[in-house]
Amino acid sequence: EFEKMKEKSPDNFRVDFAVSREQTNSKGEKMYIQTRMAEYAKELWELLKKDDTYVYMCGLKGMEKGIDDIMVSLAAEDGIDWIDYKKQLKKGEQWNVEVY
């Protein structure tokens, strides 16, 4: 479904995967969500400051800490508290993290 969305709107839709059991990062280590996010963290942060950006991530519950660790430092560079900002994004349905 996401691949089809990307095909229809390549300039307005991005899909990436981080599958730790199947992929490795540039160091040959398992690919985790925080590793993938770090590859384009500043770009992601700039996008998250826009009203028309929507993020969806799913995976194991433990991944949330890695996501927050990256976002805390990026938000802090702009003087923003990530936890508060994340609450705003969730309320606007722009930040969707489903964990199990």
PDB file of N, CA and C in Angstrom:
ATOM      1  N   GLU A   1       0.822  -1.192   0.000  1.00  0.00           N
ATOM      2  CA  GLU A   1       0.000   0.000   0.000  1.00  0.00           C
ATOM      3  C   GLU A   1       0.870   1.262   0.000  1.00  0.00           C
ATOM      4  N   PHE A   2       1.901   1.275   0.868  1.00  0.00           N
ATOM      5  CA  PHE A   2       2.781   2.440   0.916  1.00  0.00           C
ATOM      6  C   PHE A   2       3.581   2.598  -0.370  1.00  0.00           C
ATOM      7  N   GLU A   3       4.011   1.498  -0.944  1.00  0.00           N
ATOM      8  CA  GLU A   3       4.753   1.557  -2.207  1.00  0.00           C
ATOM      9  C   GLU A   3       3.884   2.164  -3.308  1.00  0.00           C
ATOM     10  N   LYS A   4       2.608   1.833  -3.326  1.00  0.00           N
ATOM     11  CA  LYS A   4       1.695   2.400  -4.313  1.00  0.00           C
ATOM     12  C   LYS A   4       1.535   3.909  -4.098  1.00  0.00           C
ATOM     13  N   MET A   5       1.453   4.316  -2.843  1.00  0.00           N
ATOM     14  CA  MET A   5       1.347   5.744  -2.546  1.00  0.00           C
ATOM     15  C   MET A   5       2.588   6.482  -3.042  1.00  0.00           C
ATOM     16  N   LYS A   6       3.740   5.878  -2.828  1.00  0.00           N
ATOM     17  CA  LYS A   6       4.993   6.485  -3.265  1.00  0.00           C
ATOM     18  C   LYS A   6       5.027   6.619  -4.786  1.00  0.00           C
ATOM     19  N   GLU A   7       4.554   5.601  -5.488  1.00  0.00           N
ATOM     20  CA  GLU A   7       4.512   5.644  -6.951  1.00  0.00           C
ATOM     21  C   GLU A   7       3.594   6.759  -7.446  1.00  0.00           C
ATOM     22  N   LYS A   8       2.464   6.938  -6.777  1.00  0.00           N
ATOM     23  CA  LYS A   8       1.495   7.957  -7.192  1.00  0.00           C
ATOM     24  C   LYS A   8       1.978   9.377  -6.887  1.00  0.00           C
ATOM     25  N   SER A   9       2.713   9.531  -5.780  1.00  0.00           N
ATOM     26  CA  SER A   9       3.142  10.870  -5.353  1.00  0.00           C
ATOM     27  C   SER A   9       4.610  10.854  -4.907  1.00  0.00           C
ATOM     28  N   PRO A  10       5.525  10.602  -5.829  1.00  0.00           N
ATOM     29  CA  PRO A  10       6.934  10.469  -5.437  1.00  0.00           C
ATOM     30  C   PRO A  10       7.536  11.718  -4.797  1.00  0.00           C
ATOM     31  N   ASP A  11       7.001  12.886  -5.108  1.00  0.00           N
ATOM     32  CA  ASP A  11       7.532  14.116  -4.528  1.00  0.00           C
ATOM     33  C   ASP A  11       6.907  14.461  -3.181  1.00  0.00           C
ATOM     34  N   ASN A  12       5.821  13.759  -2.841  1.00  0.00           N
ATOM     35  CA  ASN A  12       5.096  14.086  -1.613  1.00  0.00           C
ATOM     36  C   ASN A  12       4.973  12.925  -0.643  1.00  0.00           C
ATOM     37  N   PHE A  13       5.629  11.828  -0.955  1.00  0.00           N
ATOM     38  CA  PHE A  13       5.496  10.656  -0.096  1.00  0.00           C
ATOM     39  C   PHE A  13       6.836   9.932  -0.025  1.00  0.00           C
ATOM     40  N   ARG A  14       7.227   9.597   1.177  1.00  0.00           N
ATOM     41  CA  ARG A  14       8.481   8.879   1.373  1.00  0.00           C
ATOM     42  C   ARG A  14       8.202   7.657   2.220  1.00  0.00           C
ATOM     43  N   VAL A  15       8.783   6.549   1.843  1.00  0.00           N
ATOM     44  CA  VAL A  15       8.660   5.329   2.635  1.00  0.00           C
ATOM     45  C   VAL A  15      10.052   4.732   2.806  1.00  0.00           C
ATOM     46  N   ASP A  16      10.395   4.403   4.024  1.00  0.00           N
ATOM     47  CA  ASP A  16      11.660   3.752   4.346  1.00  0.00           C
ATOM     48  C   ASP A  16      11.376   2.601   5.286  1.00  0.00           C
ATOM     49  N   PHE A  17      12.270   1.655   5.276  1.00  0.00           N
ATOM     50  CA  PHE A  17      12.131   0.499   6.150  1.00  0.00           C
ATOM     51  C   PHE A  17      13.399   0.316   6.978  1.00  0.00           C
ATOM     52  N   ALA A  18      13.223  -0.181   8.167  1.00  0.00           N
ATOM     53  CA  ALA A  18      14.338  -0.568   9.021  1.00  0.00           C
ATOM     54  C   ALA A  18      13.960  -1.934   9.592  1.00  0.00           C
ATOM     55  N   VAL A  19      14.483  -2.969   8.975  1.00  0.00           N
ATOM     56  CA  VAL A  19      14.145  -4.332   9.376  1.00  0.00           C
ATOM     57  C   VAL A  19      15.411  -4.973   9.939  1.00  0.00           C
ATOM     58  N   SER A  20      15.492  -5.015  11.262  1.00  0.00           N
ATOM     59  CA  SER A  20      16.734  -5.423  11.916  1.00  0.00           C
ATOM     60  C   SER A  20      17.166  -6.848  11.585  1.00  0.00           C
ATOM     61  N   ARG A  21      16.244  -7.703  11.266  1.00  0.00           N
ATOM     62  CA  ARG A  21      16.605  -9.082  10.964  1.00  0.00           C
ATOM     63  C   ARG A  21      17.055  -9.268   9.515  1.00  0.00           C
ATOM     64  N   GLU A  22      16.799  -8.265   8.675  1.00  0.00           N
ATOM     65  CA  GLU A  22      17.102  -8.395   7.250  1.00  0.00           C
ATOM     66  C   GLU A  22      18.097  -7.373   6.725  1.00  0.00           C
ATOM     67  N   GLN A  23      18.240  -6.243   7.384  1.00  0.00           N
ATOM     68  CA  GLN A  23      19.078  -5.172   6.870  1.00  0.00           C
ATOM     69  C   GLN A  23      20.215  -4.857   7.832  1.00  0.00           C
ATOM     70  N   THR A  24      21.272  -4.251   7.291  1.00  0.00           N
ATOM     71  CA  THR A  24      22.373  -3.776   8.121  1.00  0.00           C
ATOM     72  C   THR A  24      22.673  -2.323   7.765  1.00  0.00           C
ATOM     73  N   ASN A  25      23.273  -1.628   8.705  1.00  0.00           N
ATOM     74  CA  ASN A  25      23.646  -0.242   8.449  1.00  0.00           C
ATOM     75  C   ASN A  25      25.023  -0.201   7.786  1.00  0.00           C
ATOM     76  N   SER A  26      25.571   0.991   7.619  1.00  0.00           N
ATOM     77  CA  SER A  26      26.859   1.131   6.929  1.00  0.00           C
ATOM     78  C   SER A  26      28.015   0.472   7.683  1.00  0.00           C
ATOM     79  N   LYS A  27      27.821   0.220   8.976  1.00  0.00           N
ATOM     80  CA  LYS A  27      28.856  -0.439   9.787  1.00  0.00           C
ATOM     81  C   LYS A  27      28.680  -1.958   9.826  1.00  0.00           C
ATOM     82  N   GLY A  28      27.649  -2.455   9.135  1.00  0.00           N
ATOM     83  CA  GLY A  28      27.388  -3.886   9.134  1.00  0.00           C
ATOM     84  C   GLY A  28      26.581  -4.364  10.329  1.00  0.00           C
ATOM     85  N   GLU A  29      26.047  -3.416  11.110  1.00  0.00           N
ATOM     86  CA  GLU A  29      25.236  -3.748  12.281  1.00  0.00           C
ATOM     87  C   GLU A  29      23.770  -3.842  11.885  1.00  0.00           C
ATOM     88  N   LYS A  30      22.950  -4.399  12.760  1.00  0.00           N
ATOM     89  CA  LYS A  30      21.512  -4.493  12.483  1.00  0.00           C
ATOM     90  C   LYS A  30      20.926  -3.103  12.250  1.00  0.00           C
ATOM     91  N   MET A  31      19.989  -3.033  11.344  1.00  0.00           N
ATOM     92  CA  MET A  31      19.331  -1.772  11.011  1.00  0.00           C
ATOM     93  C   MET A  31      18.117  -1.588  11.917  1.00  0.00           C
ATOM     94  N   TYR A  32      18.219  -0.610  12.815  1.00  0.00           N
ATOM     95  CA  TYR A  32      17.102  -0.282  13.691  1.00  0.00           C
ATOM     96  C   TYR A  32      16.483   1.037  13.235  1.00  0.00           C
ATOM     97  N   ILE A  33      15.294   1.330  13.725  1.00  0.00           N
ATOM     98  CA  ILE A  33      14.592   2.543  13.303  1.00  0.00           C
ATOM     99  C   ILE A  33      15.428   3.789  13.592  1.00  0.00           C
ATOM    100  N   GLN A  34      16.077   3.839  14.753  1.00  0.00           N
ATOM    101  CA  GLN A  34      16.871   5.018  15.078  1.00  0.00           C
ATOM    102  C   GLN A  34      18.088   5.138  14.153  1.00  0.00           C
ATOM    103  N   THR A  35      18.595   4.001  13.670  1.00  0.00           N
ATOM    104  CA  THR A  35      19.709   4.028  12.720  1.00  0.00           C
ATOM    105  C   THR A  35      19.235   4.618  11.401  1.00  0.00           C
ATOM    106  N   ARG A  36      18.081   4.175  10.929  1.00  0.00           N
ATOM    107  CA  ARG A  36      17.526   4.692   9.676  1.00  0.00           C
ATOM    108  C   ARG A  36      17.200   6.171   9.816  1.00  0.00           C
ATOM    109  N   MET A  37      16.590   6.545  10.930  1.00  0.00           N
ATOM    110  CA  MET A  37      16.237   7.947  11.138  1.00  0.00           C
ATOM    111  C   MET A  37      17.465   8.837  11.170  1.00  0.00           C
ATOM    112  N   ALA A  38      18.539   8.347  11.757  1.00  0.00           N
ATOM    113  CA  ALA A  38      19.770   9.136  11.854  1.00  0.00           C
ATOM    114  C   ALA A  38      20.322   9.474  10.468  1.00  0.00           C
ATOM    115  N   GLU A  39      20.035   8.641   9.484  1.00  0.00           N
ATOM    116  CA  GLU A  39      20.522   8.883   8.127  1.00  0.00           C
ATOM    117  C   GLU A  39      19.948  10.165   7.532  1.00  0.00           C
ATOM    118  N   TYR A  40      18.768  10.554   7.956  1.00  0.00           N
ATOM    119  CA  TYR A  40      18.153  11.779   7.435  1.00  0.00           C
ATOM    120  C   TYR A  40      17.426  12.532   8.547  1.00  0.00           C
ATOM    121  N   ALA A  41      18.030  12.553   9.725  1.00  0.00           N
ATOM    122  CA  ALA A  41      17.403  13.143  10.907  1.00  0.00           C
ATOM    123  C   ALA A  41      17.063  14.622  10.726  1.00  0.00           C
ATOM    124  N   LYS A  42      17.993  15.395  10.214  1.00  0.00           N
ATOM    125  CA  LYS A  42      17.729  16.838  10.054  1.00  0.00           C
ATOM    126  C   LYS A  42      16.605  17.077   9.059  1.00  0.00           C
ATOM    127  N   GLU A  43      16.576  16.313   7.982  1.00  0.00           N
ATOM    128  CA  GLU A  43      15.501  16.429   7.004  1.00  0.00           C
ATOM    129  C   GLU A  43      14.157  16.076   7.645  1.00  0.00           C
ATOM    130  N   LEU A  44      14.137  15.012   8.425  1.00  0.00           N
ATOM    131  CA  LEU A  44      12.916  14.609   9.113  1.00  0.00           C
ATOM    132  C   LEU A  44      12.448  15.700  10.065  1.00  0.00           C
ATOM    133  N   TRP A  45      13.369  16.284  10.811  1.00  0.00           N
ATOM    134  CA  TRP A  45      13.002  17.335  11.752  1.00  0.00           C
ATOM    135  C   TRP A  45      12.401  18.531  11.017  1.00  0.00           C
ATOM    136  N   GLU A  46      13.022  18.932   9.916  1.00  0.00           N
ATOM    137  CA  GLU A  46      12.491  20.058   9.140  1.00  0.00           C
ATOM    138  C   GLU A  46      11.087  19.744   8.630  1.00  0.00           C
ATOM    139  N   LEU A  47      10.877  18.517   8.193  1.00  0.00           N
ATOM    140  CA  LEU A  47       9.549  18.113   7.728  1.00  0.00           C
ATOM    141  C   LEU A  47       8.530  18.125   8.861  1.00  0.00           C
ATOM    142  N   LEU A  48       8.952  17.684  10.046  1.00  0.00           N
ATOM    143  CA  LEU A  48       8.029  17.627  11.188  1.00  0.00           C
ATOM    144  C   LEU A  48       7.575  19.007  11.652  1.00  0.00           C
ATOM    145  N   LYS A  49       8.274  20.025  11.258  1.00  0.00           N
ATOM    146  CA  LYS A  49       7.873  21.380  11.625  1.00  0.00           C
ATOM    147  C   LYS A  49       6.791  21.928  10.690  1.00  0.00           C
ATOM    148  N   LYS A  50       6.457  21.156   9.663  1.00  0.00           N
ATOM    149  CA  LYS A  50       5.429  21.572   8.713  1.00  0.00           C
ATOM    150  C   LYS A  50       4.095  20.906   9.055  1.00  0.00           C
ATOM    151  N   ASP A  51       3.018  21.622   8.789  1.00  0.00           N
ATOM    152  CA  ASP A  51       1.684  21.118   9.105  1.00  0.00           C
ATOM    153  C   ASP A  51       1.218  19.979   8.207  1.00  0.00           C
ATOM    154  N   ASP A  52       1.881  19.795   7.072  1.00  0.00           N
ATOM    155  CA  ASP A  52       1.418  18.766   6.142  1.00  0.00           C
ATOM    156  C   ASP A  52       2.304  17.516   6.131  1.00  0.00           C
ATOM    157  N   THR A  53       3.067  17.308   7.207  1.00  0.00           N
ATOM    158  CA  THR A  53       3.900  16.116   7.330  1.00  0.00           C
ATOM    159  C   THR A  53       3.242  15.128   8.284  1.00  0.00           C
ATOM    160  N   TYR A  54       3.174  13.878   7.854  1.00  0.00           N
ATOM    161  CA  TYR A  54       2.598  12.814   8.665  1.00  0.00           C
ATOM    162  C   TYR A  54       3.593  11.665   8.720  1.00  0.00           C
ATOM    163  N   VAL A  55       3.841  11.165   9.930  1.00  0.00           N
ATOM    164  CA  VAL A  55       4.799  10.085  10.142  1.00  0.00           C
ATOM    165  C   VAL A  55       4.066   8.887  10.723  1.00  0.00           C
ATOM    166  N   TYR A  56       4.375   7.725  10.165  1.00  0.00           N
ATOM    167  CA  TYR A  56       3.824   6.479  10.677  1.00  0.00           C
ATOM    168  C   TYR A  56       4.965   5.491  10.845  1.00  0.00           C
ATOM    169  N   MET A  57       5.105   4.949  12.044  1.00  0.00           N
ATOM    170  CA  MET A  57       6.122   3.935  12.325  1.00  0.00           C
ATOM    171  C   MET A  57       5.481   2.833  13.148  1.00  0.00           C
ATOM    172  N   CYS A  58       5.901   1.621  12.897  1.00  0.00           N
ATOM    173  CA  CYS A  58       5.413   0.528  13.724  1.00  0.00           C
ATOM    174  C   CYS A  58       6.539  -0.468  13.955  1.00  0.00           C
ATOM    175  N   GLY A  59       6.420  -1.187  15.063  1.00  0.00           N
ATOM    176  CA  GLY A  59       7.431  -2.176  15.408  1.00  0.00           C
ATOM    177  C   GLY A  59       7.365  -2.532  16.879  1.00  0.00           C
ATOM    178  N   LEU A  60       8.450  -3.059  17.366  1.00  0.00           N
ATOM    179  CA  LEU A  60       8.521  -3.484  18.765  1.00  0.00           C
ATOM    180  C   LEU A  60       8.516  -2.290  19.717  1.00  0.00           C
ATOM    181  N   LYS A  61       7.921  -2.480  20.872  1.00  0.00           N
ATOM    182  CA  LYS A  61       7.773  -1.408  21.858  1.00  0.00           C
ATOM    183  C   LYS A  61       9.100  -0.726  22.195  1.00  0.00           C
ATOM    184  N   GLY A  62      10.171  -1.477  22.250  1.00  0.00           N
ATOM    185  CA  GLY A  62      11.467  -0.917  22.623  1.00  0.00           C
ATOM    186  C   GLY A  62      12.005   0.129  21.672  1.00  0.00           C
ATOM    187  N   MET A  63      11.454   0.225  20.477  1.00  0.00           N
ATOM    188  CA  MET A  63      11.974   1.177  19.494  1.00  0.00           C
ATOM    189  C   MET A  63      11.645   2.628  19.836  1.00  0.00           C
ATOM    190  N   GLU A  64      10.643   2.846  20.653  1.00  0.00           N
ATOM    191  CA  GLU A  64      10.234   4.218  20.970  1.00  0.00           C
ATOM    192  C   GLU A  64      11.348   5.021  21.626  1.00  0.00           C
ATOM    193  N   LYS A  65      12.114   4.399  22.489  1.00  0.00           N
ATOM    194  CA  LYS A  65      13.198   5.120  23.167  1.00  0.00           C
ATOM    195  C   LYS A  65      14.234   5.604  22.163  1.00  0.00           C
ATOM    196  N   GLY A  66      14.605   4.772  21.208  1.00  0.00           N
ATOM    197  CA  GLY A  66      15.571   5.172  20.194  1.00  0.00           C
ATOM    198  C   GLY A  66      15.074   6.333  19.348  1.00  0.00           C
ATOM    199  N   ILE A  67      13.793   6.312  19.028  1.00  0.00           N
ATOM    200  CA  ILE A  67      13.187   7.404  18.263  1.00  0.00           C
ATOM    201  C   ILE A  67      13.242   8.692  19.075  1.00  0.00           C
ATOM    202  N   ASP A  68      12.803   8.607  20.325  1.00  0.00           N
ATOM    203  CA  ASP A  68      12.806   9.797  21.181  1.00  0.00           C
ATOM    204  C   ASP A  68      14.222  10.328  21.397  1.00  0.00           C
ATOM    205  N   ASP A  69      15.199   9.453  21.547  1.00  0.00           N
ATOM    206  CA  ASP A  69      16.583   9.895  21.754  1.00  0.00           C
ATOM    207  C   ASP A  69      17.058  10.779  20.601  1.00  0.00           C
ATOM    208  N   ILE A  70      16.750  10.383  19.388  1.00  0.00           N
ATOM    209  CA  ILE A  70      17.145  11.192  18.229  1.00  0.00           C
ATOM    210  C   ILE A  70      16.360  12.500  18.185  1.00  0.00           C
ATOM    211  N   MET A  71      15.068  12.423  18.389  1.00  0.00           N
ATOM    212  CA  MET A  71      14.224  13.607  18.252  1.00  0.00           C
ATOM    213  C   MET A  71      14.462  14.632  19.361  1.00  0.00           C
ATOM    214  N   VAL A  72      14.793  14.189  20.562  1.00  0.00           N
ATOM    215  CA  VAL A  72      15.067  15.115  21.670  1.00  0.00           C
ATOM    216  C   VAL A  72      16.196  16.061  21.295  1.00  0.00           C
ATOM    217  N   SER A  73      17.280  15.504  20.752  1.00  0.00           N
ATOM    218  CA  SER A  73      18.428  16.356  20.433  1.00  0.00           C
ATOM    219  C   SER A  73      18.136  17.280  19.253  1.00  0.00           C
ATOM    220  N   LEU A  74      17.403  16.796  18.257  1.00  0.00           N
ATOM    221  CA  LEU A  74      17.061  17.644  17.113  1.00  0.00           C
ATOM    222  C   LEU A  74      16.158  18.800  17.537  1.00  0.00           C
ATOM    223  N   ALA A  75      15.153  18.498  18.333  1.00  0.00           N
ATOM    224  CA  ALA A  75      14.232  19.542  18.795  1.00  0.00           C
ATOM    225  C   ALA A  75      14.960  20.557  19.669  1.00  0.00           C
ATOM    226  N   ALA A  76      15.856  20.070  20.512  1.00  0.00           N
ATOM    227  CA  ALA A  76      16.593  20.952  21.416  1.00  0.00           C
ATOM    228  C   ALA A  76      17.414  21.978  20.646  1.00  0.00           C
ATOM    229  N   GLU A  77      17.906  21.627  19.473  1.00  0.00           N
ATOM    230  CA  GLU A  77      18.669  22.574  18.654  1.00  0.00           C
ATOM    231  C   GLU A  77      17.829  23.793  18.289  1.00  0.00           C
ATOM    232  N   ASP A  78      16.516  23.631  18.246  1.00  0.00           N
ATOM    233  CA  ASP A  78      15.595  24.732  17.967  1.00  0.00           C
ATOM    234  C   ASP A  78      14.929  25.252  19.234  1.00  0.00           C
ATOM    235  N   GLY A  79      15.400  24.794  20.396  1.00  0.00           N
ATOM    236  CA  GLY A  79      14.829  25.241  21.666  1.00  0.00           C
ATOM    237  C   GLY A  79      13.443  24.684  21.937  1.00  0.00           C
ATOM    238  N   ILE A  80      13.157  23.515  21.362  1.00  0.00           N
ATOM    239  CA  ILE A  80      11.834  22.898  21.509  1.00  0.00           C
ATOM    240  C   ILE A  80      11.940  21.656  22.376  1.00  0.00           C
ATOM    241  N   ASP A  81      10.995  21.482  23.274  1.00  0.00           N
ATOM    242  CA  ASP A  81      10.922  20.279  24.096  1.00  0.00           C
ATOM    243  C   ASP A  81      10.229  19.192  23.271  1.00  0.00           C
ATOM    244  N   TRP A  82      10.953  18.138  22.930  1.00  0.00           N
ATOM    245  CA  TRP A  82      10.423  17.096  22.054  1.00  0.00           C
ATOM    246  C   TRP A  82       9.162  16.443  22.609  1.00  0.00           C
ATOM    247  N   ILE A  83       9.152  16.141  23.902  1.00  0.00           N
ATOM    248  CA  ILE A  83       8.004  15.431  24.481  1.00  0.00           C
ATOM    249  C   ILE A  83       6.726  16.259  24.316  1.00  0.00           C
ATOM    250  N   ASP A  84       6.808  17.554  24.583  1.00  0.00           N
ATOM    251  CA  ASP A  84       5.641  18.428  24.402  1.00  0.00           C
ATOM    252  C   ASP A  84       5.253  18.534  22.926  1.00  0.00           C
ATOM    253  N   TYR A  85       6.260  18.675  22.076  1.00  0.00           N
ATOM    254  CA  TYR A  85       5.996  18.804  20.640  1.00  0.00           C
ATOM    255  C   TYR A  85       5.383  17.523  20.079  1.00  0.00           C
ATOM    256  N   LYS A  86       5.881  16.392  20.545  1.00  0.00           N
ATOM    257  CA  LYS A  86       5.336  15.106  20.108  1.00  0.00           C
ATOM    258  C   LYS A  86       3.861  14.992  20.483  1.00  0.00           C
ATOM    259  N   LYS A  87       3.499  15.484  21.651  1.00  0.00           N
ATOM    260  CA  LYS A  87       2.089  15.477  22.059  1.00  0.00           C
ATOM    261  C   LYS A  87       1.235  16.284  21.087  1.00  0.00           C
ATOM    262  N   GLN A  88       1.746  17.432  20.644  1.00  0.00           N
ATOM    263  CA  GLN A  88       1.028  18.249  19.672  1.00  0.00           C
ATOM    264  C   GLN A  88       0.874  17.497  18.345  1.00  0.00           C
ATOM    265  N   LEU A  89       1.954  16.872  17.899  1.00  0.00           N
ATOM    266  CA  LEU A  89       1.912  16.124  16.643  1.00  0.00           C
ATOM    267  C   LEU A  89       0.907  14.973  16.727  1.00  0.00           C
ATOM    268  N   LYS A  90       0.904  14.284  17.865  1.00  0.00           N
ATOM    269  CA  LYS A  90      -0.051  13.185  18.045  1.00  0.00           C
ATOM    270  C   LYS A  90      -1.485  13.703  18.005  1.00  0.00           C
ATOM    271  N   LYS A  91      -1.708  14.811  18.688  1.00  0.00           N
ATOM    272  CA  LYS A  91      -3.050  15.387  18.720  1.00  0.00           C
ATOM    273  C   LYS A  91      -3.519  15.740  17.309  1.00  0.00           C
ATOM    274  N   GLY A  92      -2.614  16.219  16.478  1.00  0.00           N
ATOM    275  CA  GLY A  92      -2.941  16.560  15.101  1.00  0.00           C
ATOM    276  C   GLY A  92      -2.856  15.373  14.153  1.00  0.00           C
ATOM    277  N   GLU A  93      -2.667  14.194  14.721  1.00  0.00           N
ATOM    278  CA  GLU A  93      -2.564  12.937  13.969  1.00  0.00           C
ATOM    279  C   GLU A  93      -1.405  12.939  12.971  1.00  0.00           C
ATOM    280  N   GLN A  94      -0.368  13.714  13.266  1.00  0.00           N
ATOM    281  CA  GLN A  94       0.802  13.769  12.392  1.00  0.00           C
ATOM    282  C   GLN A  94       1.896  12.796  12.822  1.00  0.00           C
ATOM    283  N   TRP A  95       1.859  12.337  14.033  1.00  0.00           N
ATOM    284  CA  TRP A  95       2.879  11.443  14.586  1.00  0.00           C
ATOM    285  C   TRP A  95       2.190  10.172  15.048  1.00  0.00           C
ATOM    286  N   ASN A  96       2.444   9.103  14.317  1.00  0.00           N
ATOM    287  CA  ASN A  96       1.776   7.835  14.603  1.00  0.00           C
ATOM    288  C   ASN A  96       2.810   6.742  14.795  1.00  0.00           C
ATOM    289  N   VAL A  97       2.918   6.262  16.001  1.00  0.00           N
ATOM    290  CA  VAL A  97       3.842   5.182  16.317  1.00  0.00           C
ATOM    291  C   VAL A  97       3.017   4.049  16.926  1.00  0.00           C
ATOM    292  N   GLU A  98       3.001   2.934  16.254  1.00  0.00           N
ATOM    293  CA  GLU A  98       2.286   1.764  16.746  1.00  0.00           C
ATOM    294  C   GLU A  98       3.306   0.716  17.153  1.00  0.00           C
ATOM    295  N   VAL A  99       3.287   0.384  18.433  1.00  0.00           N
ATOM    296  CA  VAL A  99       4.233  -0.600  18.931  1.00  0.00           C
ATOM    297  C   VAL A  99       3.491  -1.751  19.612  1.00  0.00           C
ATOM    298  N   TYR A 100       4.159  -2.873  19.660  1.00  0.00           N
ATOM    299  CA  TYR A 100       3.557  -4.065  20.250  1.00  0.00           C
ATOM    300  C   TYR A 100       4.576  -4.817  21.061  1.00  0.00           C
TER     301      TYR A 100
END
